Every structure is written in C-alpha cells, then in structure tokens.
C-alpha cells in the first residue's frame, strides 16, 4: 500500500513578489541557467536565474528572482555587478580589479540544456546582498501591461 501524503498549500506562496521601490536584503538561492528562444528561431537571450528570498522587514520571506542576462556585453556587465555584490565586492574600480584578479579564468560556463551552471555562479548560493529595486510596466510579450520588477543596483551586505 502506498503511503498517504497531505500537504497544506496555504503554507507556501504561489506568487512571485513584485516589491515596492526601495532597498531590500536578499538571500540568494541555487542558480540555474536559462535560454529564451526569440522569434523566427533566433536566440533571444540567455543567462543565469537566481531565486531570491527577502531576508528582513515587512516583506520577509517573499520570493522573487533575478535573471542575470549574459547574452550581450551590457547585460553581462549588470550580471557582473550582481555577482560582485553577492561575493562581497563593492562596485568600485579597485574592488572590480580585485574581483577580476580572483575570478579571471574561473569556471563561468552555463549549460542551458541541463540548466546547470559552473562553479563561480554557484558560489553566490546562500549569500546575501542588498538590491535597489523599482517597479515598471512590461511593454511587450504575453504579460504586456503588467507590473514587473526593475533591478536598479546591487551592493554587498
């Protein structure tokens, strides 16, 4: 006879939080890679998705995520700011040099078929950072007209 399972869905959230404008402390979860197919079979974007949990304050335990896009230099630059903050580096010229010296040539790869990420991306798991966020209206796609989180800046804790 199979065991019986009872789960209470009122103890979990089915909602991805859209946080009000402000600064929040987040706990970073286990990253996974992603790939979004563009129109006409052309690749649109790819990167690393980090689940985030609000660590303190009235929104404590709210769940959201940050997509670290890496498909262009501009996108990779902002993903780098996230990783620097997660790993304890400030966004200054000297701190960026320290970060570059430590992580140059490290395992930064992703595999979008298996959703896996290499070692450096996983170093952020369990770490905390501060993010400045805002809300904007999504301009296109299936959710056009809906609010979405805008990530403004990341800082180390």
N, C-alpha and C. Protein backbone atom coordinates (compact mmCIF):
# COMPACT_ATOMS: atom_id res chain seq x y z
N UNK A 1 0.84 -1.18 0.00
CA UNK A 1 0.00 0.00 0.00
C UNK A 1 0.88 1.25 0.00
N UNK A 2 0.54 2.18 -0.82
CA UNK A 2 1.30 3.42 -0.91
C UNK A 2 1.04 4.32 0.29
N UNK A 3 2.06 5.07 0.73
CA UNK A 3 1.84 5.97 1.86
C UNK A 3 0.91 7.12 1.45
N UNK A 4 0.28 7.69 2.43
CA UNK A 4 -0.62 8.82 2.22
C UNK A 4 0.16 10.11 2.47
N UNK A 5 -0.05 11.09 1.63
CA UNK A 5 0.62 12.38 1.77
C UNK A 5 -0.43 13.47 1.91
N UNK A 6 -0.19 14.35 2.83
CA UNK A 6 -1.08 15.50 2.99
C UNK A 6 -0.23 16.75 3.03
N UNK A 7 -0.53 17.67 2.15
CA UNK A 7 0.21 18.93 2.07
C UNK A 7 -0.79 20.07 2.23
N UNK A 8 -0.34 21.12 2.89
CA UNK A 8 -1.19 22.29 3.10
C UNK A 8 -0.63 23.42 2.24
N UNK A 9 -1.23 23.69 1.07
CA UNK A 9 -0.70 24.73 0.20
C UNK A 9 -0.82 26.14 0.77
N UNK A 10 -1.56 26.31 1.88
CA UNK A 10 -1.64 27.64 2.48
C UNK A 10 -0.35 28.01 3.19
N UNK A 11 0.57 27.05 3.34
CA UNK A 11 1.86 27.32 4.00
C UNK A 11 2.95 27.76 3.02
N UNK A 12 2.64 27.81 1.73
CA UNK A 12 3.62 28.22 0.72
C UNK A 12 3.01 29.32 -0.14
N UNK A 13 3.85 29.99 -0.90
CA UNK A 13 3.36 31.05 -1.77
C UNK A 13 3.45 30.61 -3.23
N UNK A 14 2.41 30.93 -3.97
CA UNK A 14 2.39 30.68 -5.40
C UNK A 14 2.68 31.96 -6.18
N UNK A 15 3.01 33.02 -5.45
CA UNK A 15 3.17 34.35 -6.04
C UNK A 15 4.64 34.75 -6.07
N UNK A 16 5.06 35.27 -7.20
CA UNK A 16 6.39 35.89 -7.29
C UNK A 16 6.20 37.35 -6.92
N UNK A 17 6.88 37.78 -5.88
CA UNK A 17 6.69 39.13 -5.34
C UNK A 17 7.15 40.19 -6.33
N UNK A 18 6.35 41.26 -6.45
CA UNK A 18 6.77 42.49 -7.11
C UNK A 18 6.90 43.49 -5.96
N UNK A 19 8.13 43.77 -5.58
CA UNK A 19 8.40 44.59 -4.41
C UNK A 19 8.31 46.08 -4.73
N UNK A 20 7.81 46.85 -3.78
CA UNK A 20 7.75 48.30 -3.94
C UNK A 20 9.15 48.88 -4.07
N UNK A 21 9.23 50.06 -4.64
CA UNK A 21 10.52 50.75 -4.79
C UNK A 21 11.21 50.85 -3.44
N UNK A 22 12.51 50.51 -3.43
CA UNK A 22 13.27 50.58 -2.20
C UNK A 22 14.47 49.66 -2.22
N UNK A 23 15.13 49.55 -1.07
CA UNK A 23 16.29 48.67 -0.90
C UNK A 23 15.86 47.47 -0.07
N UNK A 24 16.30 46.29 -0.50
CA UNK A 24 15.95 45.04 0.16
C UNK A 24 17.18 44.17 0.33
N UNK A 25 17.23 43.45 1.43
CA UNK A 25 18.26 42.45 1.64
C UNK A 25 17.71 41.11 1.16
N UNK A 26 18.48 40.42 0.32
CA UNK A 26 18.05 39.14 -0.24
C UNK A 26 19.00 38.02 0.14
N UNK A 27 18.44 36.83 0.29
CA UNK A 27 19.21 35.59 0.40
C UNK A 27 19.14 34.93 -0.98
N UNK A 28 20.29 34.56 -1.51
CA UNK A 28 20.38 34.02 -2.87
C UNK A 28 20.25 32.50 -2.85
N UNK A 29 19.39 31.99 -3.72
CA UNK A 29 19.18 30.55 -3.83
C UNK A 29 20.06 29.93 -4.92
N UNK A 30 19.84 28.66 -5.17
CA UNK A 30 20.62 27.87 -6.14
C UNK A 30 20.32 28.33 -7.57
N UNK A 31 21.34 28.77 -8.31
CA UNK A 31 21.10 29.27 -9.67
C UNK A 31 20.90 28.16 -10.70
N UNK A 32 20.20 28.51 -11.77
CA UNK A 32 20.02 27.62 -12.93
C UNK A 32 20.15 28.48 -14.18
N UNK A 33 20.67 27.88 -15.23
CA UNK A 33 20.78 28.61 -16.48
C UNK A 33 19.44 28.60 -17.21
N UNK A 34 19.28 29.55 -18.13
CA UNK A 34 18.06 29.61 -18.94
C UNK A 34 18.41 30.07 -20.35
N UNK A 35 17.52 29.78 -21.25
CA UNK A 35 17.63 30.20 -22.65
C UNK A 35 16.23 30.53 -23.13
N UNK A 36 16.03 31.73 -23.65
CA UNK A 36 14.74 32.14 -24.19
C UNK A 36 14.85 32.26 -25.70
N UNK A 37 14.09 31.46 -26.41
CA UNK A 37 14.11 31.45 -27.87
C UNK A 37 13.40 32.68 -28.41
N UNK A 38 14.04 33.37 -29.32
CA UNK A 38 13.44 34.54 -29.94
C UNK A 38 12.56 34.18 -31.11
N UNK A 39 12.11 35.20 -31.82
CA UNK A 39 11.25 35.00 -32.99
C UNK A 39 12.04 34.38 -34.13
N UNK A 40 11.33 33.67 -35.00
CA UNK A 40 11.91 33.05 -36.19
C UNK A 40 13.05 32.10 -35.86
N UNK A 41 13.04 31.47 -34.68
CA UNK A 41 14.05 30.50 -34.31
C UNK A 41 15.39 31.09 -33.92
N UNK A 42 15.50 32.40 -33.85
CA UNK A 42 16.77 33.04 -33.47
C UNK A 42 16.83 33.18 -31.95
N UNK A 43 18.02 32.98 -31.39
CA UNK A 43 18.13 33.11 -29.93
C UNK A 43 17.86 34.55 -29.50
N UNK A 44 17.13 34.69 -28.44
CA UNK A 44 16.81 35.99 -27.91
C UNK A 44 17.74 36.33 -26.76
N UNK A 45 17.73 35.53 -25.72
CA UNK A 45 18.60 35.83 -24.58
C UNK A 45 18.84 34.57 -23.76
N UNK A 46 19.88 34.64 -22.93
CA UNK A 46 20.23 33.53 -22.05
C UNK A 46 21.01 34.06 -20.88
N UNK A 47 21.11 33.25 -19.84
CA UNK A 47 21.84 33.68 -18.65
C UNK A 47 21.61 32.74 -17.49
N UNK A 48 21.65 33.32 -16.29
CA UNK A 48 21.54 32.55 -15.05
C UNK A 48 20.42 33.15 -14.21
N UNK A 49 19.50 32.29 -13.76
CA UNK A 49 18.36 32.73 -12.94
C UNK A 49 18.66 32.37 -11.48
N UNK A 50 18.58 33.40 -10.63
CA UNK A 50 18.80 33.22 -9.20
C UNK A 50 17.49 33.42 -8.43
N UNK A 51 17.01 32.40 -7.72
CA UNK A 51 15.88 32.63 -6.83
C UNK A 51 16.35 33.48 -5.64
N UNK A 52 15.51 34.41 -5.23
CA UNK A 52 15.85 35.32 -4.13
C UNK A 52 14.72 35.31 -3.10
N UNK A 53 15.11 35.40 -1.84
CA UNK A 53 14.16 35.49 -0.74
C UNK A 53 14.47 36.74 0.06
N UNK A 54 13.45 37.57 0.31
CA UNK A 54 13.66 38.76 1.13
C UNK A 54 14.03 38.31 2.55
N UNK A 55 15.14 38.85 3.07
CA UNK A 55 15.69 38.39 4.34
C UNK A 55 15.10 39.08 5.57
N UNK A 56 14.72 40.34 5.43
CA UNK A 56 14.29 41.12 6.59
C UNK A 56 13.14 42.05 6.22
N UNK A 57 12.51 42.62 7.23
CA UNK A 57 11.49 43.65 7.03
C UNK A 57 10.10 43.10 6.78
N UNK A 58 9.17 44.00 6.42
CA UNK A 58 7.77 43.61 6.24
C UNK A 58 7.55 42.61 5.11
N UNK A 59 8.46 42.55 4.15
CA UNK A 59 8.34 41.61 3.04
C UNK A 59 9.14 40.33 3.27
N UNK A 60 9.61 40.14 4.50
CA UNK A 60 10.43 38.96 4.83
C UNK A 60 9.79 37.68 4.31
N UNK A 61 10.63 36.83 3.72
CA UNK A 61 10.26 35.53 3.14
C UNK A 61 9.55 35.64 1.79
N UNK A 62 9.32 36.84 1.27
CA UNK A 62 8.76 36.97 -0.07
C UNK A 62 9.76 36.43 -1.08
N UNK A 63 9.25 35.75 -2.09
CA UNK A 63 10.11 35.11 -3.10
C UNK A 63 10.06 35.89 -4.41
N UNK A 64 11.21 36.01 -5.04
CA UNK A 64 11.31 36.60 -6.36
C UNK A 64 12.51 35.97 -7.04
N UNK A 65 12.96 36.52 -8.14
CA UNK A 65 14.15 36.00 -8.81
C UNK A 65 14.83 37.12 -9.58
N UNK A 66 16.10 36.92 -9.85
CA UNK A 66 16.87 37.84 -10.69
C UNK A 66 17.43 37.04 -11.85
N UNK A 67 17.17 37.51 -13.07
CA UNK A 67 17.75 36.91 -14.27
C UNK A 67 19.03 37.66 -14.61
N UNK A 68 20.16 36.99 -14.46
CA UNK A 68 21.46 37.56 -14.82
C UNK A 68 21.68 37.27 -16.31
N UNK A 69 21.22 38.17 -17.16
CA UNK A 69 21.39 38.00 -18.60
C UNK A 69 22.86 38.16 -18.96
N UNK A 70 23.35 37.31 -19.84
CA UNK A 70 24.77 37.37 -20.22
C UNK A 70 24.98 37.31 -21.72
N UNK A 71 23.93 37.55 -22.50
CA UNK A 71 23.99 37.40 -23.95
C UNK A 71 24.58 38.61 -24.68
N UNK A 72 24.78 39.73 -24.01
CA UNK A 72 25.46 40.90 -24.59
C UNK A 72 26.43 41.45 -23.55
N UNK A 73 27.36 42.28 -23.98
CA UNK A 73 28.31 42.89 -23.05
C UNK A 73 27.59 43.75 -22.01
N UNK A 74 26.57 44.50 -22.44
CA UNK A 74 25.81 45.33 -21.50
C UNK A 74 25.10 44.49 -20.46
N UNK A 75 24.48 43.40 -20.91
CA UNK A 75 23.79 42.50 -19.98
C UNK A 75 24.79 41.85 -19.02
N UNK A 76 25.90 41.40 -19.56
CA UNK A 76 26.93 40.75 -18.74
C UNK A 76 27.50 41.71 -17.69
N UNK A 77 27.59 42.99 -18.04
CA UNK A 77 28.09 44.00 -17.11
C UNK A 77 27.19 44.10 -15.87
N UNK A 78 25.86 44.08 -16.07
CA UNK A 78 24.95 44.17 -14.94
C UNK A 78 24.94 42.86 -14.15
N UNK A 79 25.05 41.72 -14.85
CA UNK A 79 25.17 40.43 -14.17
C UNK A 79 26.43 40.40 -13.31
N UNK A 80 27.49 41.01 -13.80
CA UNK A 80 28.74 41.08 -13.05
C UNK A 80 28.54 41.90 -11.77
N UNK A 81 27.79 43.01 -11.85
CA UNK A 81 27.52 43.81 -10.66
C UNK A 81 26.81 42.97 -9.60
N UNK A 82 25.85 42.14 -10.04
CA UNK A 82 25.14 41.23 -9.12
C UNK A 82 26.12 40.27 -8.47
N UNK A 83 26.95 39.62 -9.29
CA UNK A 83 27.90 38.64 -8.75
C UNK A 83 28.93 39.29 -7.84
N UNK A 84 29.42 40.46 -8.20
CA UNK A 84 30.37 41.16 -7.33
C UNK A 84 29.74 41.41 -5.96
N UNK A 85 28.50 41.92 -5.95
CA UNK A 85 27.82 42.20 -4.68
C UNK A 85 27.60 40.91 -3.89
N UNK A 86 27.15 39.87 -4.58
CA UNK A 86 26.89 38.59 -3.91
C UNK A 86 28.14 38.02 -3.26
N UNK A 87 29.27 38.25 -3.90
CA UNK A 87 30.53 37.69 -3.40
C UNK A 87 31.32 38.68 -2.54
N UNK A 88 30.66 39.81 -2.18
CA UNK A 88 31.24 40.73 -1.21
C UNK A 88 32.07 41.87 -1.77
N UNK A 89 31.96 42.15 -3.05
CA UNK A 89 32.74 43.22 -3.67
C UNK A 89 31.86 44.43 -3.96
N UNK A 90 32.35 45.62 -3.65
CA UNK A 90 31.65 46.87 -3.97
C UNK A 90 31.86 47.20 -5.44
N UNK A 91 30.99 48.04 -5.99
CA UNK A 91 31.10 48.47 -7.39
C UNK A 91 32.03 49.68 -7.49
N UNK A 92 33.31 49.45 -7.24
CA UNK A 92 34.32 50.49 -7.40
C UNK A 92 35.42 49.94 -8.30
N UNK A 93 36.23 50.83 -8.82
CA UNK A 93 37.31 50.42 -9.72
C UNK A 93 38.28 49.46 -9.03
N UNK A 94 38.66 49.78 -7.80
CA UNK A 94 39.61 48.93 -7.06
C UNK A 94 39.01 47.56 -6.74
N UNK A 95 37.73 47.56 -6.32
CA UNK A 95 37.07 46.29 -5.99
C UNK A 95 36.87 45.44 -7.26
N UNK A 96 36.56 46.09 -8.37
CA UNK A 96 36.40 45.35 -9.62
C UNK A 96 37.72 44.71 -10.04
N UNK A 97 38.82 45.42 -9.83
CA UNK A 97 40.13 44.85 -10.15
C UNK A 97 40.40 43.62 -9.29
N UNK A 98 40.11 43.73 -7.98
CA UNK A 98 40.27 42.57 -7.08
C UNK A 98 39.42 41.39 -7.54
N UNK A 99 38.17 41.68 -7.90
CA UNK A 99 37.26 40.65 -8.39
C UNK A 99 37.81 40.01 -9.67
N UNK A 100 38.23 40.85 -10.61
CA UNK A 100 38.77 40.33 -11.88
C UNK A 100 39.99 39.47 -11.64
N UNK A 101 40.89 39.93 -10.77
CA UNK A 101 42.11 39.17 -10.48
C UNK A 101 41.78 37.80 -9.88
N UNK A 102 40.79 37.75 -9.02
CA UNK A 102 40.43 36.49 -8.38
C UNK A 102 39.69 35.54 -9.33
N UNK A 103 38.78 36.06 -10.14
CA UNK A 103 37.89 35.19 -10.91
C UNK A 103 38.22 35.07 -12.40
N UNK A 104 39.22 35.79 -12.88
CA UNK A 104 39.63 35.66 -14.28
C UNK A 104 40.03 34.21 -14.56
N UNK A 105 39.47 33.63 -15.62
CA UNK A 105 39.81 32.27 -16.00
C UNK A 105 39.09 31.19 -15.19
N UNK A 106 38.19 31.60 -14.29
CA UNK A 106 37.45 30.63 -13.47
C UNK A 106 36.31 30.00 -14.27
N UNK A 107 35.60 29.08 -13.64
CA UNK A 107 34.52 28.34 -14.29
C UNK A 107 33.23 29.16 -14.29
N UNK A 108 33.00 29.88 -15.39
CA UNK A 108 31.83 30.74 -15.56
C UNK A 108 30.81 30.16 -16.53
N UNK A 109 30.98 28.94 -17.00
CA UNK A 109 30.12 28.39 -18.04
C UNK A 109 28.70 28.10 -17.57
N UNK A 110 27.82 27.98 -18.57
CA UNK A 110 26.45 27.54 -18.32
C UNK A 110 26.08 26.52 -19.38
N UNK A 111 25.17 25.62 -19.05
CA UNK A 111 24.64 24.64 -20.00
C UNK A 111 23.13 24.78 -19.96
N UNK A 112 22.57 25.40 -21.00
CA UNK A 112 21.13 25.67 -20.99
C UNK A 112 20.29 24.42 -21.26
N UNK A 113 20.90 23.35 -21.78
CA UNK A 113 20.15 22.10 -21.96
C UNK A 113 19.87 21.44 -20.61
N UNK A 114 20.89 21.36 -19.76
CA UNK A 114 20.72 20.73 -18.45
C UNK A 114 20.33 21.72 -17.36
N UNK A 115 20.34 23.02 -17.71
CA UNK A 115 20.05 24.13 -16.76
C UNK A 115 21.16 24.30 -15.72
N UNK A 116 22.31 23.68 -15.94
CA UNK A 116 23.40 23.74 -14.96
C UNK A 116 24.26 24.99 -15.16
N UNK A 117 24.97 25.34 -14.10
CA UNK A 117 25.90 26.47 -14.13
C UNK A 117 27.21 26.02 -13.49
N UNK A 118 28.30 26.64 -13.90
CA UNK A 118 29.60 26.28 -13.35
C UNK A 118 29.83 26.90 -11.97
N UNK A 119 30.98 26.59 -11.41
CA UNK A 119 31.29 26.86 -10.01
C UNK A 119 31.11 28.30 -9.53
N UNK A 120 31.58 29.27 -10.30
CA UNK A 120 31.53 30.65 -9.79
C UNK A 120 30.09 31.09 -9.59
N UNK A 121 29.21 30.77 -10.52
CA UNK A 121 27.80 31.15 -10.36
C UNK A 121 27.23 30.55 -9.07
N UNK A 122 27.60 29.31 -8.75
CA UNK A 122 27.07 28.64 -7.56
C UNK A 122 27.65 29.19 -6.26
N UNK A 123 28.78 29.88 -6.33
CA UNK A 123 29.36 30.49 -5.12
C UNK A 123 28.41 31.47 -4.47
N UNK A 124 27.49 32.04 -5.24
CA UNK A 124 26.54 33.02 -4.69
C UNK A 124 25.47 32.37 -3.83
N UNK A 125 25.27 31.08 -3.96
CA UNK A 125 24.21 30.38 -3.21
C UNK A 125 24.38 30.55 -1.71
N UNK A 126 23.30 31.00 -1.07
CA UNK A 126 23.32 31.18 0.38
C UNK A 126 23.86 32.52 0.83
N UNK A 127 24.44 33.28 -0.09
CA UNK A 127 24.97 34.60 0.26
C UNK A 127 23.84 35.62 0.31
N UNK A 128 24.15 36.78 0.86
CA UNK A 128 23.18 37.87 0.95
C UNK A 128 23.74 39.11 0.25
N UNK A 129 22.82 39.91 -0.28
CA UNK A 129 23.18 41.19 -0.88
C UNK A 129 22.04 42.17 -0.71
N UNK A 130 22.32 43.42 -1.01
CA UNK A 130 21.30 44.47 -0.99
C UNK A 130 21.00 44.84 -2.45
N UNK A 131 19.72 44.91 -2.77
CA UNK A 131 19.32 45.34 -4.12
C UNK A 131 18.39 46.54 -4.00
N UNK A 132 18.63 47.53 -4.85
CA UNK A 132 17.70 48.64 -5.01
C UNK A 132 16.78 48.26 -6.16
N UNK A 133 15.48 48.30 -5.90
CA UNK A 133 14.51 47.89 -6.91
C UNK A 133 13.48 48.97 -7.15
N UNK A 134 12.78 48.84 -8.26
CA UNK A 134 11.66 49.71 -8.61
C UNK A 134 10.65 48.83 -9.33
N UNK A 135 9.55 49.41 -9.73
CA UNK A 135 8.52 48.69 -10.48
C UNK A 135 8.32 49.41 -11.79
N UNK A 136 8.21 48.63 -12.88
CA UNK A 136 7.91 49.21 -14.18
C UNK A 136 6.83 48.35 -14.84
N UNK A 137 6.20 48.89 -15.87
CA UNK A 137 5.17 48.17 -16.60
C UNK A 137 5.82 47.47 -17.78
N UNK A 138 5.55 46.17 -17.90
CA UNK A 138 6.12 45.40 -19.00
C UNK A 138 5.52 45.90 -20.31
N UNK A 139 6.40 46.18 -21.27
CA UNK A 139 5.96 46.83 -22.51
C UNK A 139 5.59 45.87 -23.63
N UNK A 140 6.05 44.62 -23.55
CA UNK A 140 5.75 43.69 -24.63
C UNK A 140 5.64 42.27 -24.11
N UNK A 141 5.26 41.37 -24.98
CA UNK A 141 5.15 39.96 -24.61
C UNK A 141 3.80 39.62 -24.02
N UNK A 142 3.71 38.39 -23.54
CA UNK A 142 2.44 37.87 -23.02
C UNK A 142 1.94 38.65 -21.81
N UNK A 143 2.86 39.26 -21.07
CA UNK A 143 2.47 40.00 -19.86
C UNK A 143 2.51 41.51 -20.05
N UNK A 144 2.42 41.98 -21.30
CA UNK A 144 2.43 43.42 -21.56
C UNK A 144 1.36 44.11 -20.73
N UNK A 145 1.73 45.23 -20.12
CA UNK A 145 0.81 45.99 -19.29
C UNK A 145 0.83 45.59 -17.83
N UNK A 146 1.52 44.51 -17.50
CA UNK A 146 1.61 44.05 -16.11
C UNK A 146 2.84 44.64 -15.44
N UNK A 147 2.78 44.84 -14.12
CA UNK A 147 3.97 45.33 -13.42
C UNK A 147 5.05 44.25 -13.38
N UNK A 148 6.29 44.69 -13.43
CA UNK A 148 7.42 43.78 -13.28
C UNK A 148 8.50 44.47 -12.47
N UNK A 149 9.36 43.65 -11.85
CA UNK A 149 10.43 44.19 -11.01
C UNK A 149 11.51 44.78 -11.89
N UNK A 150 11.99 45.95 -11.51
CA UNK A 150 13.14 46.59 -12.17
C UNK A 150 14.28 46.57 -11.17
N UNK A 151 15.39 45.94 -11.57
CA UNK A 151 16.58 45.86 -10.73
C UNK A 151 17.45 47.06 -11.05
N UNK A 152 17.71 47.91 -10.05
CA UNK A 152 18.42 49.18 -10.27
C UNK A 152 19.91 49.07 -9.95
N UNK A 153 20.22 48.48 -8.80
CA UNK A 153 21.62 48.42 -8.35
C UNK A 153 21.77 47.32 -7.31
N UNK A 154 22.96 46.72 -7.28
CA UNK A 154 23.28 45.70 -6.29
C UNK A 154 24.49 46.15 -5.46
N UNK A 155 24.44 45.85 -4.15
CA UNK A 155 25.54 46.18 -3.24
C UNK A 155 25.80 45.00 -2.32
N UNK A 156 27.05 44.84 -1.90
CA UNK A 156 27.31 43.77 -0.92
C UNK A 156 26.73 44.14 0.43
N UNK A 157 26.47 43.16 1.23
CA UNK A 157 25.94 43.37 2.56
C UNK A 157 27.02 43.87 3.49
